[in-house]
Amino acid sequence: MTQTDADGLRLARISAERLDLETHLAAVDDASAGAVTTFVGRVRDHDPDASGAVVALEYTAHPEAEQILRRIARDAIGSSGAIVAVSHRIGRLSVGDAAVVIAVASSHRAEAYEVSRTVIEAIKAELPVWKRQVEADGTTAWKGLGG
């Protein structure tokens, strides 16, 4: 976990613990910030590929996932001056649980939105975290393998 970096990355972690939005907001709290955006990716009760209701997702991460998450956040920050806190949860998550939490603070809203969007899109494309979808009838399917 990164607590405070000169480059604006305040928190980047892969965690088996429940993710808390308030922790992320506190991490990016800064007097220079005129804008704060948040993104919470939650487990939903359906999927277009599922034959029935989705009841859980089971996330697994590569041992280097946290290091890659830090790189993703730093790349998104670039020279924007934004401050970022981001976490991805692993383990079994129920419907409604937060799988990803991102908070971005910046001087202006455009940068906050842009950095947040860049972080989540890079997570989806690059972070070595995979999920197994569990349906109500016990059917399971791996999702996100290969990127």
N, C-alpha and C. Protein backbone atom coordinates (compact mmCIF):
# COMPACT_ATOMS: atom_id res chain seq x y z
N MET A 1 0.84 -1.18 0.00
CA MET A 1 0.00 0.00 0.00
C MET A 1 0.89 1.24 0.00
N THR A 2 0.53 2.21 -0.79
CA THR A 2 1.25 3.47 -0.84
C THR A 2 0.46 4.49 -0.04
N GLN A 3 1.10 5.12 0.93
CA GLN A 3 0.40 6.11 1.75
C GLN A 3 0.48 7.51 1.15
N THR A 4 1.69 7.98 0.88
CA THR A 4 1.85 9.31 0.32
C THR A 4 3.03 9.31 -0.63
N ASP A 5 2.81 9.68 -1.86
CA ASP A 5 3.86 9.79 -2.86
C ASP A 5 3.87 11.20 -3.40
N ALA A 6 5.06 11.69 -3.73
CA ALA A 6 5.20 13.03 -4.30
C ALA A 6 4.47 13.14 -5.63
N ASP A 7 4.26 12.01 -6.31
CA ASP A 7 3.62 12.04 -7.63
C ASP A 7 2.10 12.05 -7.58
N GLY A 8 1.50 12.11 -6.41
CA GLY A 8 0.05 12.18 -6.30
C GLY A 8 -0.64 10.88 -5.97
N LEU A 9 0.10 9.78 -5.95
CA LEU A 9 -0.52 8.50 -5.60
C LEU A 9 -0.51 8.36 -4.09
N ARG A 10 -1.69 8.33 -3.51
CA ARG A 10 -1.82 8.26 -2.05
C ARG A 10 -2.16 6.86 -1.54
N LEU A 11 -2.83 6.07 -2.39
CA LEU A 11 -3.25 4.74 -1.96
C LEU A 11 -3.44 3.89 -3.20
N ALA A 12 -2.83 2.71 -3.19
CA ALA A 12 -3.04 1.73 -4.26
C ALA A 12 -2.89 0.36 -3.63
N ARG A 13 -3.97 -0.40 -3.62
CA ARG A 13 -3.87 -1.69 -2.95
C ARG A 13 -4.82 -2.73 -3.55
N ILE A 14 -4.39 -3.96 -3.38
CA ILE A 14 -5.21 -5.13 -3.64
C ILE A 14 -5.53 -5.67 -2.26
N SER A 15 -6.80 -5.88 -1.96
CA SER A 15 -7.17 -6.20 -0.59
C SER A 15 -8.27 -7.25 -0.52
N ALA A 16 -8.15 -8.12 0.45
CA ALA A 16 -9.21 -9.09 0.73
C ALA A 16 -10.25 -8.49 1.68
N GLU A 17 -9.97 -7.30 2.20
CA GLU A 17 -10.88 -6.63 3.12
C GLU A 17 -11.91 -5.80 2.36
N ARG A 18 -13.05 -5.57 2.98
CA ARG A 18 -14.12 -4.74 2.41
C ARG A 18 -13.55 -3.36 2.08
N LEU A 19 -13.89 -2.83 0.90
CA LEU A 19 -13.40 -1.52 0.47
C LEU A 19 -14.32 -0.43 1.00
N ASP A 20 -13.70 0.66 1.45
CA ASP A 20 -14.43 1.75 2.08
C ASP A 20 -14.21 3.04 1.30
N LEU A 21 -15.26 3.62 0.77
CA LEU A 21 -15.16 4.87 0.01
C LEU A 21 -14.59 5.99 0.87
N GLU A 22 -15.00 6.08 2.12
CA GLU A 22 -14.53 7.16 2.99
C GLU A 22 -13.01 7.13 3.17
N THR A 23 -12.43 5.96 3.23
CA THR A 23 -10.97 5.84 3.33
C THR A 23 -10.30 6.43 2.11
N HIS A 24 -10.87 6.19 0.94
CA HIS A 24 -10.32 6.72 -0.31
C HIS A 24 -10.49 8.24 -0.40
N LEU A 25 -11.65 8.72 0.04
CA LEU A 25 -11.87 10.17 0.05
C LEU A 25 -10.90 10.86 1.00
N ALA A 26 -10.67 10.28 2.17
CA ALA A 26 -9.73 10.87 3.12
C ALA A 26 -8.31 10.88 2.56
N ALA A 27 -7.96 9.84 1.81
CA ALA A 27 -6.61 9.75 1.24
C ALA A 27 -6.34 10.84 0.21
N VAL A 28 -7.37 11.29 -0.51
CA VAL A 28 -7.16 12.32 -1.54
C VAL A 28 -7.51 13.72 -1.06
N ASP A 29 -7.91 13.84 0.19
CA ASP A 29 -8.28 15.16 0.72
C ASP A 29 -7.08 16.09 0.67
N ASP A 30 -7.25 17.22 0.02
CA ASP A 30 -6.15 18.17 -0.16
C ASP A 30 -6.72 19.55 -0.40
N ALA A 31 -6.12 20.56 0.23
CA ALA A 31 -6.61 21.94 0.09
C ALA A 31 -6.51 22.47 -1.33
N SER A 32 -5.64 21.88 -2.15
CA SER A 32 -5.48 22.35 -3.54
C SER A 32 -6.56 21.81 -4.47
N ALA A 33 -7.33 20.87 -3.99
CA ALA A 33 -8.31 20.19 -4.85
C ALA A 33 -9.64 20.93 -4.88
N GLY A 34 -10.05 21.34 -6.08
CA GLY A 34 -11.35 21.95 -6.26
C GLY A 34 -12.38 20.94 -6.75
N ALA A 35 -11.90 19.74 -7.07
CA ALA A 35 -12.79 18.69 -7.57
C ALA A 35 -12.37 17.34 -7.02
N VAL A 36 -13.36 16.52 -6.69
CA VAL A 36 -13.11 15.14 -6.27
C VAL A 36 -14.13 14.28 -6.98
N THR A 37 -13.64 13.26 -7.69
CA THR A 37 -14.54 12.29 -8.32
C THR A 37 -14.34 10.95 -7.64
N THR A 38 -15.40 10.15 -7.67
CA THR A 38 -15.32 8.80 -7.14
C THR A 38 -15.93 7.83 -8.14
N PHE A 39 -15.42 6.62 -8.10
CA PHE A 39 -15.99 5.53 -8.89
C PHE A 39 -16.02 4.31 -7.98
N VAL A 40 -17.16 3.65 -7.93
CA VAL A 40 -17.29 2.41 -7.18
C VAL A 40 -17.85 1.37 -8.13
N GLY A 41 -17.05 0.35 -8.40
CA GLY A 41 -17.51 -0.77 -9.22
C GLY A 41 -18.04 -1.85 -8.29
N ARG A 42 -19.32 -2.22 -8.46
CA ARG A 42 -19.98 -3.16 -7.56
C ARG A 42 -20.36 -4.44 -8.27
N VAL A 43 -20.52 -5.49 -7.50
CA VAL A 43 -21.01 -6.77 -8.02
C VAL A 43 -22.50 -6.61 -8.28
N ARG A 44 -22.91 -6.94 -9.51
CA ARG A 44 -24.33 -6.85 -9.86
C ARG A 44 -24.95 -8.24 -9.91
N ASP A 45 -26.27 -8.30 -9.93
CA ASP A 45 -27.00 -9.57 -9.85
C ASP A 45 -27.25 -10.23 -11.20
N HIS A 46 -26.66 -9.70 -12.26
CA HIS A 46 -26.89 -10.26 -13.59
C HIS A 46 -25.67 -10.05 -14.47
N ASP A 47 -25.62 -10.81 -15.54
CA ASP A 47 -24.58 -10.67 -16.55
C ASP A 47 -25.18 -11.16 -17.87
N PRO A 48 -24.87 -10.49 -18.97
CA PRO A 48 -25.45 -10.91 -20.25
C PRO A 48 -25.15 -12.36 -20.63
N ASP A 49 -24.03 -12.88 -20.15
CA ASP A 49 -23.65 -14.26 -20.47
C ASP A 49 -24.19 -15.29 -19.49
N ALA A 50 -24.78 -14.85 -18.40
CA ALA A 50 -25.28 -15.77 -17.38
C ALA A 50 -26.66 -16.30 -17.75
N SER A 51 -26.89 -17.56 -17.44
CA SER A 51 -28.20 -18.14 -17.72
C SER A 51 -29.19 -17.84 -16.60
N GLY A 52 -28.68 -17.45 -15.44
CA GLY A 52 -29.55 -17.12 -14.31
C GLY A 52 -28.96 -15.97 -13.52
N ALA A 53 -29.48 -15.81 -12.31
CA ALA A 53 -29.02 -14.72 -11.44
C ALA A 53 -27.59 -14.94 -10.98
N VAL A 54 -26.83 -13.87 -10.93
CA VAL A 54 -25.46 -13.90 -10.40
C VAL A 54 -25.56 -13.64 -8.90
N VAL A 55 -24.90 -14.49 -8.10
CA VAL A 55 -24.95 -14.33 -6.65
C VAL A 55 -23.61 -13.90 -6.04
N ALA A 56 -22.53 -14.08 -6.80
CA ALA A 56 -21.21 -13.72 -6.26
C ALA A 56 -20.18 -13.65 -7.37
N LEU A 57 -19.10 -12.97 -7.09
CA LEU A 57 -17.90 -12.99 -7.92
C LEU A 57 -16.74 -13.35 -7.02
N GLU A 58 -15.86 -14.19 -7.51
CA GLU A 58 -14.66 -14.57 -6.77
C GLU A 58 -13.45 -14.05 -7.53
N TYR A 59 -12.75 -13.08 -6.94
CA TYR A 59 -11.61 -12.44 -7.59
C TYR A 59 -10.31 -13.05 -7.12
N THR A 60 -9.41 -13.25 -8.08
CA THR A 60 -8.07 -13.77 -7.83
C THR A 60 -7.08 -12.82 -8.47
N ALA A 61 -5.96 -12.55 -7.80
CA ALA A 61 -4.97 -11.61 -8.32
C ALA A 61 -3.60 -12.26 -8.45
N HIS A 62 -2.87 -11.84 -9.46
CA HIS A 62 -1.47 -12.21 -9.64
C HIS A 62 -0.67 -11.58 -8.48
N PRO A 63 0.41 -12.21 -8.02
CA PRO A 63 1.19 -11.64 -6.93
C PRO A 63 1.72 -10.22 -7.20
N GLU A 64 1.90 -9.84 -8.45
CA GLU A 64 2.40 -8.51 -8.79
C GLU A 64 1.28 -7.50 -9.09
N ALA A 65 0.04 -7.87 -8.83
CA ALA A 65 -1.10 -7.01 -9.17
C ALA A 65 -1.02 -5.65 -8.48
N GLU A 66 -0.63 -5.60 -7.22
CA GLU A 66 -0.59 -4.32 -6.53
C GLU A 66 0.47 -3.40 -7.15
N GLN A 67 1.60 -3.95 -7.51
CA GLN A 67 2.65 -3.16 -8.17
C GLN A 67 2.12 -2.61 -9.51
N ILE A 68 1.41 -3.43 -10.24
CA ILE A 68 0.84 -3.00 -11.53
C ILE A 68 -0.24 -1.93 -11.30
N LEU A 69 -1.03 -2.09 -10.25
CA LEU A 69 -2.04 -1.08 -9.93
C LEU A 69 -1.39 0.27 -9.65
N ARG A 70 -0.27 0.27 -8.93
CA ARG A 70 0.45 1.52 -8.68
C ARG A 70 0.92 2.15 -9.98
N ARG A 71 1.44 1.34 -10.90
CA ARG A 71 1.89 1.87 -12.19
C ARG A 71 0.72 2.45 -12.97
N ILE A 72 -0.40 1.74 -12.98
CA ILE A 72 -1.60 2.23 -13.68
C ILE A 72 -2.01 3.60 -13.14
N ALA A 73 -2.05 3.73 -11.83
CA ALA A 73 -2.45 5.01 -11.22
C ALA A 73 -1.46 6.11 -11.56
N ARG A 74 -0.17 5.81 -11.44
CA ARG A 74 0.85 6.83 -11.74
C ARG A 74 0.79 7.26 -13.21
N ASP A 75 0.60 6.29 -14.10
CA ASP A 75 0.48 6.62 -15.53
C ASP A 75 -0.73 7.51 -15.78
N ALA A 76 -1.83 7.23 -15.10
CA ALA A 76 -3.05 8.04 -15.28
C ALA A 76 -2.84 9.45 -14.74
N ILE A 77 -2.14 9.57 -13.64
CA ILE A 77 -1.87 10.89 -13.05
C ILE A 77 -1.00 11.70 -14.01
N GLY A 78 0.05 11.08 -14.55
CA GLY A 78 0.94 11.78 -15.47
C GLY A 78 1.38 13.11 -14.89
N SER A 79 1.24 14.18 -15.66
CA SER A 79 1.62 15.52 -15.22
C SER A 79 0.40 16.35 -14.81
N SER A 80 -0.73 15.69 -14.57
CA SER A 80 -1.99 16.40 -14.29
C SER A 80 -2.02 17.08 -12.92
N GLY A 81 -1.20 16.59 -12.00
CA GLY A 81 -1.27 17.10 -10.63
C GLY A 81 -2.37 16.48 -9.81
N ALA A 82 -3.08 15.50 -10.36
CA ALA A 82 -4.17 14.84 -9.65
C ALA A 82 -3.63 13.99 -8.50
N ILE A 83 -4.50 13.72 -7.55
CA ILE A 83 -4.20 12.87 -6.40
C ILE A 83 -5.14 11.66 -6.50
N VAL A 84 -4.59 10.45 -6.37
CA VAL A 84 -5.38 9.24 -6.59
C VAL A 84 -5.29 8.27 -5.42
N ALA A 85 -6.43 7.66 -5.10
CA ALA A 85 -6.52 6.53 -4.19
C ALA A 85 -7.35 5.47 -4.91
N VAL A 86 -6.81 4.26 -5.02
CA VAL A 86 -7.50 3.20 -5.75
C VAL A 86 -7.26 1.86 -5.08
N SER A 87 -8.30 1.05 -5.02
CA SER A 87 -8.19 -0.30 -4.47
C SER A 87 -9.03 -1.27 -5.28
N HIS A 88 -8.57 -2.51 -5.35
CA HIS A 88 -9.33 -3.60 -5.97
C HIS A 88 -9.41 -4.72 -4.95
N ARG A 89 -10.59 -5.23 -4.77
CA ARG A 89 -10.80 -6.30 -3.79
C ARG A 89 -10.61 -7.66 -4.43
N ILE A 90 -10.15 -8.61 -3.63
CA ILE A 90 -10.06 -10.00 -4.06
C ILE A 90 -10.82 -10.87 -3.05
N GLY A 91 -11.06 -12.11 -3.45
CA GLY A 91 -11.83 -13.02 -2.62
C GLY A 91 -13.25 -13.10 -3.13
N ARG A 92 -14.13 -13.68 -2.33
CA ARG A 92 -15.54 -13.84 -2.71
C ARG A 92 -16.33 -12.60 -2.31
N LEU A 93 -17.00 -12.00 -3.30
CA LEU A 93 -17.81 -10.81 -3.08
C LEU A 93 -19.26 -11.13 -3.43
N SER A 94 -20.17 -10.66 -2.61
CA SER A 94 -21.59 -10.84 -2.84
C SER A 94 -22.15 -9.68 -3.66
N VAL A 95 -23.35 -9.86 -4.17
CA VAL A 95 -24.03 -8.80 -4.92
C VAL A 95 -24.08 -7.55 -4.04
N GLY A 96 -23.69 -6.42 -4.62
CA GLY A 96 -23.68 -5.15 -3.91
C GLY A 96 -22.33 -4.77 -3.33
N ASP A 97 -21.45 -5.74 -3.15
CA ASP A 97 -20.12 -5.43 -2.61
C ASP A 97 -19.30 -4.63 -3.62
N ALA A 98 -18.44 -3.75 -3.10
CA ALA A 98 -17.55 -2.97 -3.95
C ALA A 98 -16.34 -3.82 -4.34
N ALA A 99 -16.09 -3.90 -5.64
CA ALA A 99 -14.92 -4.61 -6.15
C ALA A 99 -13.77 -3.66 -6.44
N VAL A 100 -14.09 -2.43 -6.83
CA VAL A 100 -13.10 -1.41 -7.15
C VAL A 100 -13.59 -0.08 -6.58
N VAL A 101 -12.67 0.65 -5.95
CA VAL A 101 -12.98 2.01 -5.49
C VAL A 101 -11.85 2.92 -5.96
N ILE A 102 -12.24 4.03 -6.59
CA ILE A 102 -11.28 5.03 -7.06
C ILE A 102 -11.76 6.40 -6.59
N ALA A 103 -10.84 7.16 -6.01
CA ALA A 103 -11.10 8.56 -5.68
C ALA A 103 -9.98 9.38 -6.31
N VAL A 104 -10.36 10.46 -6.98
CA VAL A 104 -9.39 11.34 -7.63
C VAL A 104 -9.72 12.78 -7.24
N ALA A 105 -8.68 13.49 -6.80
CA ALA A 105 -8.82 14.91 -6.49
C ALA A 105 -7.89 15.69 -7.42
N SER A 106 -8.37 16.84 -7.87
CA SER A 106 -7.55 17.70 -8.72
C SER A 106 -8.05 19.14 -8.60
N SER A 107 -7.29 20.04 -9.20
CA SER A 107 -7.68 21.44 -9.15
C SER A 107 -8.99 21.69 -9.88
N HIS A 108 -9.21 20.96 -10.97
CA HIS A 108 -10.39 21.17 -11.81
C HIS A 108 -11.08 19.85 -12.11
N ARG A 109 -12.38 19.91 -12.38
CA ARG A 109 -13.16 18.69 -12.59
C ARG A 109 -12.74 17.89 -13.81
N ALA A 110 -12.34 18.56 -14.89
CA ALA A 110 -11.99 17.84 -16.11
C ALA A 110 -10.86 16.85 -15.86
N GLU A 111 -9.86 17.28 -15.11
CA GLU A 111 -8.74 16.38 -14.82
C GLU A 111 -9.17 15.24 -13.92
N ALA A 112 -10.01 15.54 -12.93
CA ALA A 112 -10.46 14.49 -12.02
C ALA A 112 -11.23 13.41 -12.77
N TYR A 113 -12.15 13.83 -13.64
CA TYR A 113 -12.90 12.86 -14.43
C TYR A 113 -11.99 12.07 -15.36
N GLU A 114 -11.09 12.76 -16.03
CA GLU A 114 -10.20 12.11 -17.00
C GLU A 114 -9.29 11.08 -16.32
N VAL A 115 -8.70 11.45 -15.21
CA VAL A 115 -7.81 10.52 -14.51
C VAL A 115 -8.59 9.32 -14.00
N SER A 116 -9.77 9.55 -13.42
CA SER A 116 -10.58 8.44 -12.93
C SER A 116 -10.94 7.47 -14.05
N ARG A 117 -11.37 8.01 -15.18
CA ARG A 117 -11.74 7.16 -16.32
C ARG A 117 -10.52 6.39 -16.84
N THR A 118 -9.38 7.04 -16.90
CA THR A 118 -8.16 6.38 -17.35
C THR A 118 -7.78 5.24 -16.42
N VAL A 119 -7.90 5.45 -15.12
CA VAL A 119 -7.57 4.41 -14.15
C VAL A 119 -8.48 3.19 -14.33
N ILE A 120 -9.79 3.38 -14.39
CA ILE A 120 -10.67 2.22 -14.47
C ILE A 120 -10.52 1.49 -15.80
N GLU A 121 -10.33 2.21 -16.88
CA GLU A 121 -10.15 1.55 -18.17
C GLU A 121 -8.86 0.75 -18.20
N ALA A 122 -7.79 1.28 -17.60
CA ALA A 122 -6.52 0.55 -17.55
C ALA A 122 -6.63 -0.67 -16.63
N ILE A 123 -7.37 -0.54 -15.53
CA ILE A 123 -7.59 -1.69 -14.65
C ILE A 123 -8.25 -2.81 -15.45
N LYS A 124 -9.29 -2.48 -16.18
CA LYS A 124 -10.02 -3.50 -16.95
C LYS A 124 -9.12 -4.15 -18.01
N ALA A 125 -8.21 -3.37 -18.60
CA ALA A 125 -7.38 -3.87 -19.70
C ALA A 125 -6.07 -4.51 -19.24
N GLU A 126 -5.50 -4.04 -18.11
CA GLU A 126 -4.14 -4.42 -17.78
C GLU A 126 -3.93 -5.11 -16.44
N LEU A 127 -4.81 -4.90 -15.48
CA LEU A 127 -4.56 -5.44 -14.15
C LEU A 127 -4.78 -6.95 -14.12
N PRO A 128 -3.77 -7.71 -13.66
CA PRO A 128 -3.93 -9.17 -13.63
C PRO A 128 -4.78 -9.64 -12.44
N VAL A 129 -6.07 -9.33 -12.55
CA VAL A 129 -7.08 -9.77 -11.58
C VAL A 129 -8.17 -10.45 -12.40
N TRP A 130 -8.53 -11.65 -11.99
CA TRP A 130 -9.53 -12.42 -12.74
C TRP A 130 -10.70 -12.73 -11.83
N LYS A 131 -11.86 -12.94 -12.45
CA LYS A 131 -13.04 -13.22 -11.64
C LYS A 131 -13.75 -14.47 -12.13
N ARG A 132 -14.28 -15.19 -11.15
CA ARG A 132 -15.13 -16.34 -11.43
C ARG A 132 -16.53 -15.93 -10.99
N GLN A 133 -17.45 -15.98 -11.95
CA GLN A 133 -18.83 -15.59 -11.70
C GLN A 133 -19.60 -16.80 -11.18
N VAL A 134 -20.36 -16.61 -10.11
CA VAL A 134 -21.14 -17.68 -9.51
C VAL A 134 -22.61 -17.35 -9.67
N GLU A 135 -23.36 -18.28 -10.30
CA GLU A 135 -24.79 -18.09 -10.49
C GLU A 135 -25.59 -18.81 -9.41
N ALA A 136 -26.84 -18.46 -9.28
CA ALA A 136 -27.70 -19.00 -8.22
C ALA A 136 -27.78 -20.52 -8.24
N ASP A 137 -27.71 -21.13 -9.45
CA ASP A 137 -27.81 -22.60 -9.54
C ASP A 137 -26.47 -23.29 -9.32
N GLY A 138 -25.42 -22.53 -8.99
CA GLY A 138 -24.10 -23.11 -8.74
C GLY A 138 -23.18 -23.09 -9.95
N THR A 139 -23.71 -22.75 -11.11
CA THR A 139 -22.90 -22.64 -12.32
C THR A 139 -21.83 -21.57 -12.12
N THR A 140 -20.62 -21.85 -12.59
CA THR A 140 -19.55 -20.86 -12.49
C THR A 140 -18.92 -20.66 -13.86
N ALA A 141 -18.37 -19.49 -14.07
CA ALA A 141 -17.65 -19.18 -15.31
C ALA A 141 -16.57 -18.16 -15.02
N TRP A 142 -15.38 -18.39 -15.55
CA TRP A 142 -14.30 -17.42 -15.42
C TRP A 142 -14.50 -16.30 -16.39
N LYS A 143 -14.27 -15.07 -15.94
CA LYS A 143 -14.42 -13.86 -16.76
C LYS A 143 -13.13 -13.08 -16.73
N GLY A 144 -12.85 -12.39 -17.82
CA GLY A 144 -11.70 -11.49 -17.85
C GLY A 144 -10.36 -12.16 -18.06
N LEU A 145 -10.34 -13.44 -18.39
CA LEU A 145 -9.07 -14.10 -18.64
C LEU A 145 -8.49 -13.57 -19.95
N GLY A 146 -7.22 -13.27 -19.92
CA GLY A 146 -6.58 -12.74 -21.12
C GLY A 146 -6.72 -11.25 -21.28
N GLY A 147 -7.11 -10.53 -20.22
CA GLY A 147 -7.15 -9.07 -20.28
C GLY A 147 -8.50 -8.50 -20.11
